[in-house]
Amino acid sequence: MGRSTYFGIVFIIAVAALAISAFKRPGQRPNILLIVSEDHGPHLSCYGDTVVQTPNLDQIAKNGIQFNNAYVTESVCSPSRSSILTGLYPHQSGHLGLTTHGFHFVGKIRTLYQTLKKGGYRTGMIGKLHVEPDSIFPIDYHPITSPNYEKLGLIRYAEYAEKFMNDGEEPFFLMVNYPDTHWPFQDQVEGRPRKVLKPADVTSFPYLQFDNQLIREYSTALYNCLLRLDECVGELMEKLTKTGKANNTLVIYLSDHGDEMGRGKFDSYEIGTKIPLLASWPGHIKKNIQSDALVSTVDLLPTILSAAHLPIEDQRVTGKSLLPLFENPALKFRKYLFTEKNCDQIGMYYPRRTIRDERYKLIYSLLDRKNPVAQSYMANVNRGAAVAGSPTINEAENASPLVRNIYALWLQPKKVQLYDLKNDPWEYHDLSTDAKYDQVKKNLLAELNRWQVQTDDPLRFPEKLNRLTQENDTMKVAKKMNWNYPSYLYGK
């Protein structure tokens, strides 16, 4: 090797080392703004909804990438958020239900906040955490801790965010948790949204296949919540721009699960598990692109840590970084996607596991009994009930054959249900007994079993499932609920 060549190589290595060092300096690592809303599917105008316009959320999509097949791990708040913040499925972390019903992480859990804090990030949260224990979340700045289901003082979210984003030279991680569209649905609070929809402006959601005055009111209120949310996101993005840090900020927006309407929240259908997911990052994500890849909220932790050049510190994490999709949205990313249902809360216990590929989805019910989720929704006829966005049992029985079949199967599911999402996106027609699909069903069941083994799903063991069922069936709602499942499911 010649002298000039040698020094040339040394120079290149030195420049590369300086570049890496510069990138790792606080000013060069990306800020991360994670925006999480509640309880709604992809009912945004960027996803093609024509009832409302959501220009501020649409702008995030225009500035970056829109995921058309994004899913939560479980369609209720605490388990879903546990996956966002750990990269683990709820059955891996032990967070099988809501904190308000006594559920919590089990064993040694490593959170996104712990890794980012250790890596030199300032950490903030605005709005509820809603997973336990909160001691494993080193949050530097948490000015609003309540769920704020009343949706009061929403201007504070953007104001507090601006203060935090400006308060320091280190890169920041800020999670902003907006309360819309969580129950109770409010058509307008403190003048938000500025233009209020009326029931005459709205048609009931098509997935219900049913319409009456009550459901129309619920649908209208949910849309008004989305309009209020969009206004709030617009304020937040204005504050980010005002700080001068927008060009070095990865923005991720998603809902924590789908609609609190019939066959939605608390269950395993598309209505409850499919969500909007948008991301923008100037210089790293091309503008106005879309991806049909199957992506999950277990992918968010790997994505954020990869963007921050930090390691994944829990080897059980099964999600994958979305960064390759930022570069190539058409990339073949995942062949199979999984969701689950566990305990949720007292009265909603009906464990299920689901798998989908590019076209087909299989729902596997672990119990042979009536579905209490469907019973709760279909029994409620009062305006004040949180789970009344559904026809009643009597209404469904006196409706068209299609509606009767949809809701009868929801009330008393088969052990295995199979749907062709390409031709039947709202899961009206169960194909599980059609011999033409036997091989599809067999393949999906085998892959589902493989996933349960790989992720050490405790409910694959009948004796553990039986003990959990017995405990759920006998547990009463109380101020303090002490579960024994950590010992017999996880040995903790």
Protein backbone atom coordinates (compact mmCIF):
# COMPACT_ATOMS: atom_id res chain seq x y z
CA MET A 1 0.00 0.00 0.00
CA GLY A 2 1.43 3.40 -0.99
CA ARG A 3 1.97 6.18 1.52
CA SER A 4 -0.62 8.43 -0.11
CA THR A 5 -3.19 5.61 -0.20
CA TYR A 6 -2.57 4.85 3.48
CA PHE A 7 -3.07 8.44 4.57
CA GLY A 8 -6.11 8.68 2.32
CA ILE A 9 -7.73 5.73 4.10
CA VAL A 10 -6.80 7.18 7.49
CA PHE A 11 -8.37 10.48 6.49
CA ILE A 12 -11.61 8.80 5.37
CA ILE A 13 -11.82 6.82 8.61
CA ALA A 14 -11.22 9.97 10.64
CA VAL A 15 -13.92 11.88 8.78
CA ALA A 16 -16.37 9.01 9.25
CA ALA A 17 -15.58 8.84 12.95
CA LEU A 18 -16.16 12.58 13.29
CA ALA A 19 -19.46 12.27 11.44
CA ILE A 20 -20.62 9.47 13.72
CA SER A 21 -19.48 11.42 16.76
CA ALA A 22 -21.30 14.50 15.55
CA PHE A 23 -24.47 12.52 14.95
CA LYS A 24 -24.32 11.16 18.48
CA ARG A 25 -23.98 14.60 19.99
CA PRO A 26 -27.24 15.79 21.60
CA GLY A 27 -27.88 18.40 18.95
CA GLN A 28 -27.73 15.87 16.12
CA ARG A 29 -29.79 13.00 17.43
CA PRO A 30 -33.47 13.30 16.50
CA ASN A 31 -36.11 14.57 18.86
CA ILE A 32 -39.12 12.27 19.02
CA LEU A 33 -42.72 13.41 19.36
CA LEU A 34 -45.14 10.52 19.91
CA ILE A 35 -48.80 11.56 19.66
CA VAL A 36 -51.36 9.04 20.87
CA SER A 37 -55.12 9.50 20.67
CA GLU A 38 -57.78 7.17 22.02
CA ASP A 39 -60.41 4.74 20.89
CA HIS A 40 -60.81 5.27 17.17
CA GLY A 41 -59.96 3.60 13.90
CA PRO A 42 -58.64 5.24 10.71
CA HIS A 43 -61.59 7.63 10.28
CA LEU A 44 -59.38 10.43 8.93
CA SER A 45 -59.72 12.17 5.60
CA CYS A 46 -56.20 11.02 4.61
CA TYR A 47 -57.54 7.46 4.93
CA GLY A 48 -60.46 8.29 2.69
CA ASP A 49 -63.17 9.10 5.22
CA THR A 50 -65.58 11.55 3.60
CA VAL A 51 -67.67 12.52 6.63
CA VAL A 52 -65.03 14.77 8.19
CA GLN A 53 -61.90 16.62 7.14
CA THR A 54 -58.85 16.27 9.39
CA PRO A 55 -56.35 18.65 7.77
CA ASN A 56 -53.79 18.72 10.59
CA LEU A 57 -53.48 14.96 10.86
CA ASP A 58 -53.53 14.75 7.07
CA GLN A 59 -50.55 17.11 7.01
CA ILE A 60 -48.44 14.64 8.99
CA ALA A 61 -49.26 12.06 6.32
CA LYS A 62 -48.41 14.51 3.54
CA ASN A 63 -45.09 15.28 5.19
CA GLY A 64 -44.23 11.60 5.59
CA ILE A 65 -45.69 8.11 5.53
CA GLN A 66 -49.17 6.69 6.06
CA PHE A 67 -49.50 3.04 7.11
CA ASN A 68 -52.65 1.41 5.76
CA ASN A 69 -52.38 -1.86 7.71
CA ALA A 70 -51.39 -0.82 11.22
CA TYR A 71 -52.61 -2.75 14.27
CA VAL A 72 -52.50 -2.58 18.05
CA THR A 73 -51.73 -5.72 20.05
CA GLU A 74 -54.93 -5.55 22.11
CA SER A 75 -58.02 -3.38 21.78
CA VAL A 76 -58.09 -1.81 25.22
CA CYS A 77 -55.99 1.00 26.65
CA SER A 78 -53.54 -0.36 29.25
CA PRO A 79 -52.49 -3.53 27.40
CA SER A 80 -52.21 -1.61 24.15
CA ARG A 81 -50.06 1.13 25.69
CA SER A 82 -47.95 -1.48 27.43
CA SER A 83 -46.91 -2.73 23.98
CA ILE A 84 -46.17 0.77 22.68
CA LEU A 85 -43.89 1.41 25.65
CA THR A 86 -42.14 -1.99 25.85
CA GLY A 87 -42.25 -3.61 22.41
CA LEU A 88 -43.80 -6.68 24.05
CA TYR A 89 -47.15 -8.35 23.57
CA PRO A 90 -49.37 -8.09 26.67
CA HIS A 91 -49.04 -11.82 27.34
CA GLN A 92 -45.26 -11.33 27.46
CA SER A 93 -45.30 -8.39 29.86
CA GLY A 94 -48.17 -9.62 32.05
CA HIS A 95 -50.21 -6.43 31.50
CA LEU A 96 -53.39 -8.39 30.69
CA GLY A 97 -55.93 -5.68 31.43
CA LEU A 98 -56.65 -2.18 32.65
CA THR A 99 -54.78 -0.67 35.58
CA THR A 100 -58.15 0.45 36.95
CA HIS A 101 -58.96 -3.24 37.38
CA GLY A 102 -55.69 -4.11 39.07
CA PHE A 103 -53.58 -5.33 36.15
CA HIS A 104 -49.87 -4.49 35.87
CA PHE A 105 -46.52 -5.52 34.44
CA VAL A 106 -45.09 -8.78 35.77
CA GLY A 107 -41.40 -9.53 36.19
CA LYS A 108 -38.47 -7.52 34.85
CA ILE A 109 -39.71 -5.11 32.20
CA ARG A 110 -37.57 -2.61 30.31
CA THR A 111 -39.50 0.45 29.12
CA LEU A 112 -38.87 2.86 26.28
CA TYR A 113 -38.51 5.67 28.80
CA GLN A 114 -35.75 3.86 30.69
CA THR A 115 -33.65 3.26 27.59
CA LEU A 116 -34.12 6.78 26.24
CA LYS A 117 -33.33 8.35 29.61
CA LYS A 118 -30.21 6.22 29.93
CA GLY A 119 -29.26 7.27 26.39
CA GLY A 120 -29.30 10.98 27.23
CA TYR A 121 -32.82 11.99 26.22
CA ARG A 122 -35.01 14.40 28.16
CA THR A 123 -38.27 12.57 28.71
CA GLY A 124 -41.75 14.05 28.89
CA MET A 125 -45.36 12.95 28.91
CA ILE A 126 -48.56 14.97 28.71
CA GLY A 127 -51.71 13.07 29.63
CA LYS A 128 -52.29 9.69 31.19
CA LEU A 129 -49.71 6.91 31.48
CA HIS A 130 -52.23 4.19 32.42
CA VAL A 131 -49.79 1.31 32.89
CA GLU A 132 -48.35 0.03 36.16
CA PRO A 133 -46.02 0.27 37.92
CA ASP A 134 -45.24 3.88 37.04
CA SER A 135 -41.90 3.58 38.91
CA ILE A 136 -40.26 2.12 35.78
CA PHE A 137 -41.02 5.25 33.77
CA PRO A 138 -38.38 7.93 34.41
CA ILE A 139 -40.41 10.90 33.13
CA ASP A 140 -38.72 14.26 33.64
CA TYR A 141 -41.78 16.35 32.85
CA HIS A 142 -45.38 15.23 33.37
CA PRO A 143 -47.59 18.29 33.91
CA ILE A 144 -50.90 16.54 33.14
CA THR A 145 -51.28 13.07 34.61
CA SER A 146 -55.07 12.67 34.59
CA PRO A 147 -56.95 10.98 31.74
CA ASN A 148 -59.03 14.15 31.31
CA TYR A 149 -61.97 12.31 29.81
CA GLU A 150 -63.94 15.55 30.19
CA LYS A 151 -61.63 17.03 27.49
CA LEU A 152 -61.18 20.25 29.48
CA GLY A 153 -58.36 22.72 28.92
CA LEU A 154 -57.00 20.99 25.85
CA ILE A 155 -55.00 24.10 24.86
CA ARG A 156 -52.70 23.23 27.78
CA TYR A 157 -51.35 20.18 25.96
CA ALA A 158 -49.70 22.26 23.23
CA GLU A 159 -48.58 24.95 25.69
CA TYR A 160 -46.92 22.45 28.02
CA ALA A 161 -45.37 20.70 25.02
CA GLU A 162 -43.79 23.94 23.81
CA LYS A 163 -42.29 24.61 27.23
CA PHE A 164 -40.77 21.14 27.41
CA MET A 165 -39.45 21.15 23.84
CA ASN A 166 -37.69 24.47 24.47
CA ASP A 167 -36.33 23.58 27.90
CA GLY A 168 -32.89 22.10 27.22
CA GLU A 169 -30.26 21.29 24.63
CA GLU A 170 -30.49 17.51 24.91
CA PRO A 171 -32.73 15.71 22.43
CA PHE A 172 -36.23 15.16 23.75
CA PHE A 173 -38.76 12.34 23.76
CA LEU A 174 -42.29 13.61 24.36
CA MET A 175 -45.43 11.48 24.40
CA VAL A 176 -48.62 13.52 24.15
CA ASN A 177 -51.77 11.55 25.03
CA TYR A 178 -54.93 13.25 23.84
CA PRO A 179 -58.20 12.06 25.47
CA ASP A 180 -60.38 12.14 22.36
CA THR A 181 -62.21 9.98 21.41
CA HIS A 182 -62.48 8.17 24.73
CA TRP A 183 -65.87 7.76 26.35
CA PRO A 184 -67.83 9.84 27.23
CA PHE A 185 -68.26 11.25 23.74
CA GLN A 186 -68.80 15.01 23.81
CA ASP A 187 -70.01 16.82 20.72
CA GLN A 188 -68.41 20.07 21.86
CA VAL A 189 -66.29 21.19 24.82
CA GLU A 190 -65.08 24.77 25.34
CA GLY A 191 -65.93 25.66 21.74
CA ARG A 192 -64.17 22.61 20.28
CA PRO A 193 -64.66 21.60 17.56
CA ARG A 194 -65.45 24.94 16.02
CA LYS A 195 -67.96 23.41 13.61
CA VAL A 196 -70.15 20.73 15.19
CA LEU A 197 -71.67 17.94 13.15
CA LYS A 198 -75.32 16.96 13.67
CA PRO A 199 -76.79 13.46 13.29
CA ALA A 200 -78.32 14.53 9.99
CA ASP A 201 -74.77 15.11 8.67
CA VAL A 202 -73.58 11.60 9.46
CA THR A 203 -74.28 8.02 8.48
CA SER A 204 -73.59 5.24 10.96
CA PHE A 205 -70.30 3.44 10.49
CA PRO A 206 -70.56 0.85 7.70
CA TYR A 207 -69.05 -1.93 9.77
CA LEU A 208 -72.17 -1.94 11.99
CA GLN A 209 -74.54 -2.72 9.09
CA PHE A 210 -77.19 -1.14 11.30
CA ASP A 211 -78.58 2.33 11.89
CA ASN A 212 -80.94 3.93 14.39
CA GLN A 213 -81.15 7.28 16.16
CA LEU A 214 -78.99 6.23 19.13
CA ILE A 215 -76.23 4.76 16.98
CA ARG A 216 -76.36 7.81 14.72
CA GLU A 217 -75.85 10.05 17.77
CA TYR A 218 -72.89 7.97 18.88
CA SER A 219 -71.35 8.03 15.40
CA THR A 220 -71.82 11.80 15.21
CA ALA A 221 -70.24 12.38 18.60
CA LEU A 222 -67.26 10.21 17.71
CA TYR A 223 -66.71 12.25 14.56
CA ASN A 224 -66.96 15.50 16.57
CA CYS A 225 -64.32 14.12 18.93
CA LEU A 226 -62.08 13.51 15.92
CA LEU A 227 -62.56 17.08 14.73
CA ARG A 228 -61.59 18.33 18.20
CA LEU A 229 -58.55 16.06 18.19
CA ASP A 230 -57.46 17.39 14.80
CA GLU A 231 -57.62 20.97 16.07
CA CYS A 232 -55.44 20.01 19.04
CA VAL A 233 -52.87 18.24 16.89
CA GLY A 234 -52.69 21.35 14.72
CA GLU A 235 -51.88 23.47 17.77
CA LEU A 236 -49.22 20.99 18.86
CA MET A 237 -47.52 20.95 15.46
CA GLU A 238 -47.53 24.75 15.37
CA LYS A 239 -45.68 24.78 18.69
CA LEU A 240 -43.12 22.29 17.37
CA THR A 241 -42.51 24.51 14.35
CA LYS A 242 -42.20 27.56 16.59
CA THR A 243 -39.40 25.90 18.59
CA GLY A 244 -37.28 25.62 15.45
CA LYS A 245 -36.76 21.90 16.11
CA ALA A 246 -39.23 20.45 13.61
CA ASN A 247 -36.55 19.59 11.04
CA ASN A 248 -34.82 17.30 13.52
CA THR A 249 -37.93 15.66 14.98
CA LEU A 250 -39.44 12.28 14.23
CA VAL A 251 -43.21 12.66 14.65
CA ILE A 252 -45.33 9.51 15.09
CA TYR A 253 -49.10 9.60 15.43
CA LEU A 254 -51.45 6.72 16.22
CA SER A 255 -54.60 5.75 18.10
CA ASP A 256 -54.27 3.35 21.04
CA HIS A 257 -57.00 1.09 19.59
CA GLY A 258 -60.21 1.19 17.59
CA ASP A 259 -63.76 2.41 18.12
CA GLU A 260 -65.84 1.81 21.21
CA MET A 261 -68.66 0.60 19.01
CA GLY A 262 -70.15 -2.80 18.19
CA ARG A 263 -67.45 -5.48 17.58
CA GLY A 264 -64.83 -2.85 18.40
CA LYS A 265 -63.08 -2.03 21.67
CA PHE A 266 -62.53 -5.08 23.93
CA ASP A 267 -62.63 -7.53 21.01
CA SER A 268 -60.52 -8.92 18.15
CA TYR A 269 -62.22 -7.66 15.01
CA GLU A 270 -60.73 -5.09 12.65
CA ILE A 271 -62.92 -2.39 14.21
CA GLY A 272 -61.06 -2.72 17.49
CA THR A 273 -57.52 -3.51 16.39
CA LYS A 274 -56.87 -1.59 13.15
CA ILE A 275 -55.66 1.96 13.69
CA PRO A 276 -54.29 5.03 11.92
CA LEU A 277 -50.48 5.29 12.01
CA LEU A 278 -48.60 8.23 10.50
CA ALA A 279 -44.97 9.35 10.71
CA SER A 280 -42.91 12.26 9.43
CA TRP A 281 -39.19 13.00 9.74
CA PRO A 282 -37.66 15.62 7.43
CA GLY A 283 -34.73 14.27 5.47
CA HIS A 284 -35.43 10.68 6.55
CA ILE A 285 -38.95 9.97 5.28
CA LYS A 286 -40.05 10.97 1.82
CA LYS A 287 -43.15 13.11 1.62
CA ASN A 288 -46.64 11.82 0.90
CA ILE A 289 -45.90 8.11 0.73
CA GLN A 290 -48.02 5.14 1.83
CA SER A 291 -47.23 1.60 2.88
CA ASP A 292 -49.50 -1.45 2.88
CA ALA A 293 -47.05 -3.42 5.04
CA LEU A 294 -48.44 -5.27 8.06
CA VAL A 295 -47.17 -3.25 11.03
CA SER A 296 -47.85 -3.44 14.75
CA THR A 297 -47.42 -1.26 17.79
CA VAL A 298 -44.72 -3.68 18.99
CA ASP A 299 -42.69 -2.11 16.16
CA LEU A 300 -42.72 1.36 17.70
CA LEU A 301 -40.09 0.78 20.39
CA PRO A 302 -37.58 -0.73 17.92
CA THR A 303 -38.30 2.13 15.51
CA ILE A 304 -37.73 4.88 18.07
CA LEU A 305 -34.62 3.29 19.55
CA SER A 306 -33.19 2.66 16.09
CA ALA A 307 -33.77 6.29 15.13
CA ALA A 308 -32.06 7.36 18.38
CA HIS A 309 -29.16 4.91 17.80
CA LEU A 310 -29.88 3.15 21.07
CA PRO A 311 -29.98 -0.60 21.76
CA ILE A 312 -33.02 -2.74 22.49
CA GLU A 313 -32.45 -3.88 26.05
CA ASP A 314 -35.12 -6.59 26.30
CA GLN A 315 -34.37 -9.55 24.04
CA ARG A 316 -38.00 -10.68 24.13
CA VAL A 317 -38.99 -7.75 21.90
CA THR A 318 -40.41 -9.27 18.73
CA GLY A 319 -41.23 -6.07 16.88
CA LYS A 320 -39.11 -4.68 14.05
CA SER A 321 -37.92 -1.18 13.26
CA LEU A 322 -40.03 0.63 10.69
CA LEU A 323 -37.03 2.59 9.44
CA PRO A 324 -36.59 0.35 6.36
CA LEU A 325 -40.19 1.17 5.38
CA PHE A 326 -39.38 4.87 5.69
CA GLU A 327 -36.89 4.27 2.87
CA ASN A 328 -38.88 1.72 0.89
CA PRO A 329 -42.62 1.66 1.74
CA ALA A 330 -43.21 -1.29 -0.62
CA LEU A 331 -40.75 -3.50 1.27
CA LYS A 332 -41.98 -7.01 2.17
CA PHE A 333 -41.90 -6.36 5.90
CA ARG A 334 -43.91 -9.07 7.69
CA LYS A 335 -45.75 -12.15 6.47
CA TYR A 336 -47.96 -12.63 9.55
CA LEU A 337 -49.38 -10.17 12.05
CA PHE A 338 -50.80 -11.09 15.47
CA THR A 339 -53.18 -9.53 17.97
CA GLU A 340 -54.63 -10.85 21.19
CA LYS A 341 -57.34 -10.43 23.78
CA ASN A 342 -56.88 -11.30 27.43
CA CYS A 343 -58.68 -10.06 30.54
CA ASP A 344 -59.27 -6.37 29.74
CA GLN A 345 -61.54 -5.72 32.74
CA ILE A 346 -64.05 -7.53 34.92
CA GLY A 347 -67.00 -8.55 32.76
CA MET A 348 -65.04 -8.48 29.48
CA TYR A 349 -62.92 -11.61 29.92
CA TYR A 350 -62.92 -13.62 26.71
CA PRO A 351 -59.35 -14.53 25.66
CA ARG A 352 -58.70 -14.78 21.93
CA ARG A 353 -55.72 -14.88 19.58
CA THR A 354 -55.66 -13.67 15.98
CA ILE A 355 -53.37 -13.98 12.99
CA ARG A 356 -53.58 -12.39 9.58
CA ASP A 357 -51.49 -12.55 6.45
CA GLU A 358 -51.73 -10.36 3.37
CA ARG A 359 -55.29 -11.51 2.74
CA TYR A 360 -56.80 -13.82 5.37
CA LYS A 361 -57.46 -13.41 9.07
CA LEU A 362 -58.12 -16.12 11.62
CA ILE A 363 -59.63 -15.53 15.07
CA TYR A 364 -59.11 -18.29 17.63
CA SER A 365 -61.29 -18.20 20.75
CA LEU A 366 -59.78 -19.90 23.78
CA LEU A 367 -63.12 -20.49 25.56
CA ASP A 368 -66.32 -22.24 24.52
CA ARG A 369 -68.92 -19.88 26.00
CA LYS A 370 -70.93 -16.79 25.13
CA ASN A 371 -68.94 -13.65 24.47
CA PRO A 372 -69.46 -11.21 27.39
CA VAL A 373 -68.21 -8.31 25.27
CA ALA A 374 -71.06 -8.78 22.82
CA GLN A 375 -73.52 -9.26 25.67
CA SER A 376 -72.41 -5.97 27.26
CA TYR A 377 -72.74 -3.97 24.06
CA MET A 378 -76.01 -5.50 22.92
CA ALA A 379 -77.72 -5.29 26.29
CA ASN A 380 -77.22 -1.55 26.67
CA VAL A 381 -79.91 0.72 25.33
CA ASN A 382 -79.37 3.80 27.52
CA ARG A 383 -77.71 6.95 26.20
CA GLY A 384 -75.40 7.04 29.21
CA ALA A 385 -73.94 3.58 28.65
CA ALA A 386 -70.36 3.43 27.45
CA VAL A 387 -70.86 0.34 25.33
CA ALA A 388 -74.13 1.04 23.54
CA GLY A 389 -72.85 1.66 20.00
CA SER A 390 -74.47 -1.52 18.74
CA PRO A 391 -77.87 -2.92 17.92
CA THR A 392 -79.49 -4.67 20.86
CA ILE A 393 -80.02 -8.42 20.77
CA ASN A 394 -83.69 -7.87 19.91
CA GLU A 395 -82.86 -5.38 17.15
CA ALA A 396 -80.31 -7.73 15.60
CA GLU A 397 -82.68 -10.70 15.69
CA ASN A 398 -85.30 -8.70 13.81
CA ALA A 399 -82.94 -7.30 11.19
CA SER A 400 -81.77 -8.68 7.84
CA PRO A 401 -80.26 -12.19 7.61
CA LEU A 402 -76.78 -10.67 7.25
CA VAL A 403 -77.14 -8.58 10.43
CA ARG A 404 -78.60 -11.55 12.33
CA ASN A 405 -75.64 -13.71 11.34
CA ILE A 406 -73.01 -11.07 12.14
CA TYR A 407 -74.27 -10.44 15.65
CA ALA A 408 -75.25 -14.03 16.43
CA LEU A 409 -71.64 -15.05 15.70
CA TRP A 410 -70.37 -12.21 17.86
CA LEU A 411 -72.53 -13.38 20.76
CA GLN A 412 -71.56 -17.05 20.37
CA PRO A 413 -68.31 -17.27 18.40
CA LYS A 414 -67.03 -20.44 16.83
CA LYS A 415 -63.72 -21.75 18.11
CA VAL A 416 -62.16 -20.68 14.81
CA GLN A 417 -63.35 -17.88 12.53
CA LEU A 418 -61.80 -17.13 9.15
CA TYR A 419 -62.23 -14.02 7.03
CA ASP A 420 -61.08 -12.89 3.59
CA LEU A 421 -60.10 -9.29 4.33
CA LYS A 422 -59.57 -8.52 0.66
CA ASN A 423 -63.22 -9.19 -0.20
CA ASP A 424 -64.73 -8.81 3.27
CA PRO A 425 -62.81 -6.08 5.15
CA TRP A 426 -65.42 -5.76 7.93
CA GLU A 427 -65.58 -9.51 8.62
CA TYR A 428 -69.20 -10.23 7.77
CA HIS A 429 -68.74 -13.71 6.27
CA ASP A 430 -67.03 -16.45 8.26
CA LEU A 431 -65.32 -18.97 5.94
CA SER A 432 -64.11 -21.38 8.62
CA THR A 433 -66.51 -24.19 7.63
CA ASP A 434 -65.97 -23.84 3.89
CA ALA A 435 -63.84 -26.78 2.71
CA LYS A 436 -62.23 -24.58 0.03
CA TYR A 437 -60.34 -22.76 2.80
CA ASP A 438 -59.25 -25.77 4.86
CA GLN A 439 -55.59 -25.39 3.88
CA VAL A 440 -55.64 -21.64 4.59
CA LYS A 441 -57.11 -22.33 8.02
CA LYS A 442 -54.61 -25.11 8.73
CA ASN A 443 -51.63 -22.94 7.77
CA LEU A 444 -52.77 -19.99 9.86
CA LEU A 445 -53.43 -22.17 12.90
CA ALA A 446 -49.94 -23.66 12.61
CA GLU A 447 -48.35 -20.20 12.38
CA LEU A 448 -50.45 -18.97 15.30
CA ASN A 449 -49.28 -21.89 17.43
CA ARG A 450 -45.67 -21.22 16.40
CA TRP A 451 -46.01 -17.57 17.48
CA GLN A 452 -47.48 -18.58 20.83
CA VAL A 453 -44.49 -20.82 21.46
CA GLN A 454 -41.95 -18.24 20.27
CA THR A 455 -43.42 -15.53 22.50
CA ASP A 456 -44.05 -17.91 25.41
CA ASP A 457 -47.79 -17.30 25.58
CA PRO A 458 -48.90 -18.74 28.94
CA LEU A 459 -52.47 -19.23 27.73
CA ARG A 460 -51.38 -21.94 25.31
CA PHE A 461 -51.36 -24.23 28.35
CA PRO A 462 -54.91 -25.42 29.26
CA GLU A 463 -54.20 -25.62 33.00
CA LYS A 464 -53.03 -22.00 33.09
CA LEU A 465 -55.97 -20.85 31.02
CA ASN A 466 -58.34 -22.68 33.37
CA ARG A 467 -56.84 -21.00 36.45
CA LEU A 468 -57.04 -17.56 34.84
CA THR A 469 -60.65 -18.22 33.83
CA GLN A 470 -61.56 -19.28 37.35
CA GLU A 471 -59.92 -16.21 38.85
CA ASN A 472 -61.65 -13.87 36.41
CA ASP A 473 -65.02 -15.53 36.95
CA THR A 474 -64.79 -15.05 40.72
CA MET A 475 -63.06 -11.66 40.95
CA LYS A 476 -65.20 -8.73 42.06
CA VAL A 477 -64.70 -5.09 41.13
CA ALA A 478 -63.16 -3.27 44.10
CA LYS A 479 -61.00 -0.27 44.86
CA LYS A 480 -58.00 -2.55 45.20
CA MET A 481 -57.96 -5.78 43.23
CA ASN A 482 -55.17 -8.24 44.00
CA TRP A 483 -54.67 -10.80 41.25
CA ASN A 484 -52.85 -14.09 41.66
CA TYR A 485 -52.14 -14.58 37.95
CA PRO A 486 -48.49 -13.38 38.24
CA SER A 487 -47.69 -16.49 40.28
CA TYR A 488 -49.40 -19.24 38.29
CA LEU A 489 -48.91 -17.73 34.79
CA TYR A 490 -45.39 -16.37 35.20
CA GLY A 491 -44.01 -17.82 38.42
CA LYS A 492 -43.54 -14.32 39.92
